[in-house]
Amino acid sequence: MPWRPRSKMEKIQTTLDSNLQSVDKAEELALREAEKLGFDEDEQHQIGMAVRECTVNAVVHGNRYNKNKKIHLEIERADSSLTVIIGDEGEGFDFNALPDPLSPENLLRQSGRGLLLARAFMDDFDLHARPGGGTEVRLVKNLPQS
């Protein structure tokens, strides 16, 4: 078997405060890594929107702006994909109990579409309980095959 170079992977891990400035920081870090990987402008916009929506959920719904709780952000840039993991320290929730944002009674609501957008914009979306408490979302965007 011929020798192949190991895939190059870079990872950023940081802890952010439970405030809206952290939403900007998370989006900024994810977009910087997406640009390095070579995603085009539209894909970067989708990644930014997904990260922003999920980080807002972590701050507002997960940690409820509690200054004693943190947002855990991990961004992993591999050869052909970007993975973003956003976790909160909230009480968690039943993922199956989320109202359908597309049902007629929810169409005019001001909130409830963030996870729908994140799911639509990313290639892989996984929402689960975070080890140690809270909720964690894992977003993956793959580079298009050339």
C-alpha atoms as a PDB file:
ATOM      1  CA  MET A   1       0.000   0.000   0.000  1.00  0.00           C
ATOM      2  CA  PRO A   2       1.497   3.370  -1.001  1.00  0.00           C
ATOM      3  CA  TRP A   3       2.306   5.942   1.653  1.00  0.00           C
ATOM      4  CA  ARG A   4      -0.259   8.718   2.060  1.00  0.00           C
ATOM      5  CA  PRO A   5       0.110  11.847   4.113  1.00  0.00           C
ATOM      6  CA  ARG A   6      -2.109  11.960   7.178  1.00  0.00           C
ATOM      7  CA  SER A   7      -5.133  14.147   6.821  1.00  0.00           C
ATOM      8  CA  LYS A   8      -4.652  17.571   8.241  1.00  0.00           C
ATOM      9  CA  MET A   9      -7.034  18.504  11.002  1.00  0.00           C
ATOM     10  CA  GLU A  10      -7.128  21.596  13.145  1.00  0.00           C
ATOM     11  CA  LYS A  11      -9.309  22.088  16.190  1.00  0.00           C
ATOM     12  CA  ILE A  12     -10.351  25.142  18.177  1.00  0.00           C
ATOM     13  CA  GLN A  13     -11.929  24.699  21.598  1.00  0.00           C
ATOM     14  CA  THR A  14     -13.122  27.639  23.642  1.00  0.00           C
ATOM     15  CA  THR A  15     -15.563  28.554  26.363  1.00  0.00           C
ATOM     16  CA  LEU A  16     -17.785  31.595  25.881  1.00  0.00           C
ATOM     17  CA  ASP A  17     -19.978  33.622  28.211  1.00  0.00           C
ATOM     18  CA  SER A  18     -23.762  33.341  28.033  1.00  0.00           C
ATOM     19  CA  ASN A  19     -24.366  36.623  26.220  1.00  0.00           C
ATOM     20  CA  LEU A  20     -25.113  37.768  22.700  1.00  0.00           C
ATOM     21  CA  GLN A  21     -21.526  38.976  22.130  1.00  0.00           C
ATOM     22  CA  SER A  22     -20.553  35.309  22.307  1.00  0.00           C
ATOM     23  CA  VAL A  23     -22.908  34.601  19.407  1.00  0.00           C
ATOM     24  CA  ASP A  24     -20.878  37.001  17.243  1.00  0.00           C
ATOM     25  CA  LYS A  25     -17.613  35.434  18.441  1.00  0.00           C
ATOM     26  CA  ALA A  26     -18.780  31.876  17.647  1.00  0.00           C
ATOM     27  CA  GLU A  27     -19.942  32.907  14.175  1.00  0.00           C
ATOM     28  CA  GLU A  28     -16.704  34.803  13.522  1.00  0.00           C
ATOM     29  CA  LEU A  29     -14.530  31.810  14.508  1.00  0.00           C
ATOM     30  CA  ALA A  30     -16.579  29.373  12.401  1.00  0.00           C
ATOM     31  CA  LEU A  31     -16.514  31.667   9.358  1.00  0.00           C
ATOM     32  CA  ARG A  32     -12.755  32.133   9.613  1.00  0.00           C
ATOM     33  CA  GLU A  33     -12.257  28.360   9.546  1.00  0.00           C
ATOM     34  CA  ALA A  34     -14.812  27.913   6.733  1.00  0.00           C
ATOM     35  CA  GLU A  35     -12.938  30.448   4.612  1.00  0.00           C
ATOM     36  CA  LYS A  36      -9.594  28.712   5.282  1.00  0.00           C
ATOM     37  CA  LEU A  37     -11.134  25.440   4.132  1.00  0.00           C
ATOM     38  CA  GLY A  38     -12.329  27.007   0.868  1.00  0.00           C
ATOM     39  CA  PHE A  39     -16.098  27.231   1.228  1.00  0.00           C
ATOM     40  CA  ASP A  40     -17.625  29.748  -1.173  1.00  0.00           C
ATOM     41  CA  GLU A  41     -19.522  32.834  -0.055  1.00  0.00           C
ATOM     42  CA  ASP A  42     -22.964  31.165  -0.101  1.00  0.00           C
ATOM     43  CA  GLU A  43     -21.729  28.186   1.901  1.00  0.00           C
ATOM     44  CA  GLN A  44     -20.030  30.494   4.386  1.00  0.00           C
ATOM     45  CA  HIS A  45     -23.307  32.371   4.788  1.00  0.00           C
ATOM     46  CA  GLN A  46     -25.128  29.082   5.495  1.00  0.00           C
ATOM     47  CA  ILE A  47     -22.507  27.992   8.017  1.00  0.00           C
ATOM     48  CA  GLY A  48     -22.594  31.380   9.719  1.00  0.00           C
ATOM     49  CA  MET A  49     -26.381  31.358   9.945  1.00  0.00           C
ATOM     50  CA  ALA A  50     -26.463  27.807  11.380  1.00  0.00           C
ATOM     51  CA  VAL A  51     -23.787  28.581  13.981  1.00  0.00           C
ATOM     52  CA  ARG A  52     -25.487  31.861  14.903  1.00  0.00           C
ATOM     53  CA  GLU A  53     -28.926  30.244  15.350  1.00  0.00           C
ATOM     54  CA  CYS A  54     -27.581  27.377  17.457  1.00  0.00           C
ATOM     55  CA  THR A  55     -25.438  29.661  19.622  1.00  0.00           C
ATOM     56  CA  VAL A  56     -28.404  31.993  20.219  1.00  0.00           C
ATOM     57  CA  ASN A  57     -30.413  28.944  21.323  1.00  0.00           C
ATOM     58  CA  ALA A  58     -27.622  27.930  23.718  1.00  0.00           C
ATOM     59  CA  VAL A  59     -27.424  31.423  25.260  1.00  0.00           C
ATOM     60  CA  VAL A  60     -31.147  32.227  25.373  1.00  0.00           C
ATOM     61  CA  HIS A  61     -32.938  28.892  25.823  1.00  0.00           C
ATOM     62  CA  GLY A  62     -30.170  26.705  27.251  1.00  0.00           C
ATOM     63  CA  ASN A  63     -28.299  28.906  29.692  1.00  0.00           C
ATOM     64  CA  ARG A  64     -31.006  31.598  29.899  1.00  0.00           C
ATOM     65  CA  TYR A  65     -28.319  34.329  29.928  1.00  0.00           C
ATOM     66  CA  ASN A  66     -27.019  32.952  33.251  1.00  0.00           C
ATOM     67  CA  LYS A  67     -23.588  34.539  33.716  1.00  0.00           C
ATOM     68  CA  ASN A  68     -22.470  31.499  35.748  1.00  0.00           C
ATOM     69  CA  LYS A  69     -23.097  29.126  32.826  1.00  0.00           C
ATOM     70  CA  LYS A  70     -20.886  28.847  29.757  1.00  0.00           C
ATOM     71  CA  ILE A  71     -21.190  28.020  26.071  1.00  0.00           C
ATOM     72  CA  HIS A  72     -18.766  25.320  24.916  1.00  0.00           C
ATOM     73  CA  LEU A  73     -17.599  25.750  21.335  1.00  0.00           C
ATOM     74  CA  GLU A  74     -15.495  23.335  19.335  1.00  0.00           C
ATOM     75  CA  ILE A  75     -14.591  23.869  15.681  1.00  0.00           C
ATOM     76  CA  GLU A  76     -12.772  21.177  13.761  1.00  0.00           C
ATOM     77  CA  ARG A  77     -11.397  21.796  10.274  1.00  0.00           C
ATOM     78  CA  ALA A  78     -10.481  18.615   8.395  1.00  0.00           C
ATOM     79  CA  ASP A  79      -9.432  18.138   4.760  1.00  0.00           C
ATOM     80  CA  SER A  80     -12.963  18.175   3.383  1.00  0.00           C
ATOM     81  CA  SER A  81     -15.334  19.185   6.177  1.00  0.00           C
ATOM     82  CA  LEU A  82     -15.992  21.645   8.949  1.00  0.00           C
ATOM     83  CA  THR A  83     -17.531  20.434  12.212  1.00  0.00           C
ATOM     84  CA  VAL A  84     -18.927  22.847  14.799  1.00  0.00           C
ATOM     85  CA  ILE A  85     -20.106  21.655  18.205  1.00  0.00           C
ATOM     86  CA  ILE A  86     -22.019  24.079  20.422  1.00  0.00           C
ATOM     87  CA  GLY A  87     -22.960  23.070  23.952  1.00  0.00           C
ATOM     88  CA  ASP A  88     -24.749  24.778  26.806  1.00  0.00           C
ATOM     89  CA  GLU A  89     -25.028  24.068  30.528  1.00  0.00           C
ATOM     90  CA  GLY A  90     -28.810  24.391  30.724  1.00  0.00           C
ATOM     91  CA  GLU A  91     -31.397  21.933  31.948  1.00  0.00           C
ATOM     92  CA  GLY A  92     -31.805  20.278  28.546  1.00  0.00           C
ATOM     93  CA  PHE A  93     -35.132  19.536  26.898  1.00  0.00           C
ATOM     94  CA  ASP A  94     -37.085  16.863  25.068  1.00  0.00           C
ATOM     95  CA  PHE A  95     -35.977  17.233  21.457  1.00  0.00           C
ATOM     96  CA  ASN A  96     -39.062  15.400  20.218  1.00  0.00           C
ATOM     97  CA  ALA A  97     -41.363  17.898  21.957  1.00  0.00           C
ATOM     98  CA  LEU A  98     -40.249  20.840  19.783  1.00  0.00           C
ATOM     99  CA  PRO A  99     -43.203  22.338  17.910  1.00  0.00           C
ATOM    100  CA  ASP A 100     -43.130  21.986  14.127  1.00  0.00           C
ATOM    101  CA  PRO A 101     -42.259  25.476  12.820  1.00  0.00           C
ATOM    102  CA  LEU A 102     -43.986  24.677   9.519  1.00  0.00           C
ATOM    103  CA  SER A 103     -47.373  23.759  10.976  1.00  0.00           C
ATOM    104  CA  PRO A 104     -50.041  26.422  10.309  1.00  0.00           C
ATOM    105  CA  GLU A 105     -50.406  27.457  13.964  1.00  0.00           C
ATOM    106  CA  ASN A 106     -46.657  28.169  14.217  1.00  0.00           C
ATOM    107  CA  LEU A 107     -46.022  29.959  10.925  1.00  0.00           C
ATOM    108  CA  LEU A 108     -46.406  33.457  12.360  1.00  0.00           C
ATOM    109  CA  ARG A 109     -44.420  32.832  15.554  1.00  0.00           C
ATOM    110  CA  GLN A 110     -41.319  34.966  15.999  1.00  0.00           C
ATOM    111  CA  SER A 111     -39.142  32.035  17.084  1.00  0.00           C
ATOM    112  CA  GLY A 112     -38.791  28.347  16.406  1.00  0.00           C
ATOM    113  CA  ARG A 113     -37.100  28.284  13.003  1.00  0.00           C
ATOM    114  CA  GLY A 114     -33.437  28.319  14.053  1.00  0.00           C
ATOM    115  CA  LEU A 115     -32.997  24.570  14.248  1.00  0.00           C
ATOM    116  CA  LEU A 116     -34.947  24.117  11.008  1.00  0.00           C
ATOM    117  CA  LEU A 117     -32.551  26.508   9.247  1.00  0.00           C
ATOM    118  CA  ALA A 118     -29.472  24.879  10.766  1.00  0.00           C
ATOM    119  CA  ARG A 119     -30.698  21.446   9.630  1.00  0.00           C
ATOM    120  CA  ALA A 120     -31.360  22.752   6.119  1.00  0.00           C
ATOM    121  CA  PHE A 121     -28.007  24.547   5.747  1.00  0.00           C
ATOM    122  CA  MET A 122     -25.709  21.838   7.103  1.00  0.00           C
ATOM    123  CA  ASP A 123     -24.941  18.370   5.738  1.00  0.00           C
ATOM    124  CA  ASP A 124     -25.156  16.740   9.151  1.00  0.00           C
ATOM    125  CA  PHE A 125     -27.102  17.959  12.170  1.00  0.00           C
ATOM    126  CA  ASP A 126     -27.205  16.153  15.505  1.00  0.00           C
ATOM    127  CA  LEU A 127     -28.901  17.484  18.623  1.00  0.00           C
ATOM    128  CA  HIS A 128     -28.394  15.552  21.852  1.00  0.00           C
ATOM    129  CA  ALA A 129     -27.971  15.789  25.613  1.00  0.00           C
ATOM    130  CA  ARG A 130     -24.521  17.089  26.539  1.00  0.00           C
ATOM    131  CA  PRO A 131     -22.423  14.869  28.811  1.00  0.00           C
ATOM    132  CA  GLY A 132     -22.532  16.531  32.223  1.00  0.00           C
ATOM    133  CA  GLY A 133     -25.808  18.332  31.525  1.00  0.00           C
ATOM    134  CA  GLY A 134     -27.231  20.702  28.992  1.00  0.00           C
ATOM    135  CA  THR A 135     -27.677  20.338  25.265  1.00  0.00           C
ATOM    136  CA  GLU A 136     -25.170  19.972  22.463  1.00  0.00           C
ATOM    137  CA  VAL A 137     -25.574  20.415  18.729  1.00  0.00           C
ATOM    138  CA  ARG A 138     -23.121  19.035  16.191  1.00  0.00           C
ATOM    139  CA  LEU A 139     -23.082  20.700  12.767  1.00  0.00           C
ATOM    140  CA  VAL A 140     -21.090  19.376   9.806  1.00  0.00           C
ATOM    141  CA  LYS A 141     -20.613  20.982   6.403  1.00  0.00           C
ATOM    142  CA  ASN A 142     -18.750  19.054   3.711  1.00  0.00           C
ATOM    143  CA  LEU A 143     -16.811  20.707   0.922  1.00  0.00           C
ATOM    144  CA  PRO A 144     -18.501  20.065  -2.424  1.00  0.00           C
ATOM    145  CA  GLN A 145     -16.745  17.430  -4.524  1.00  0.00           C
ATOM    146  CA  SER A 146     -14.892  18.996  -7.444  1.00  0.00           C
END
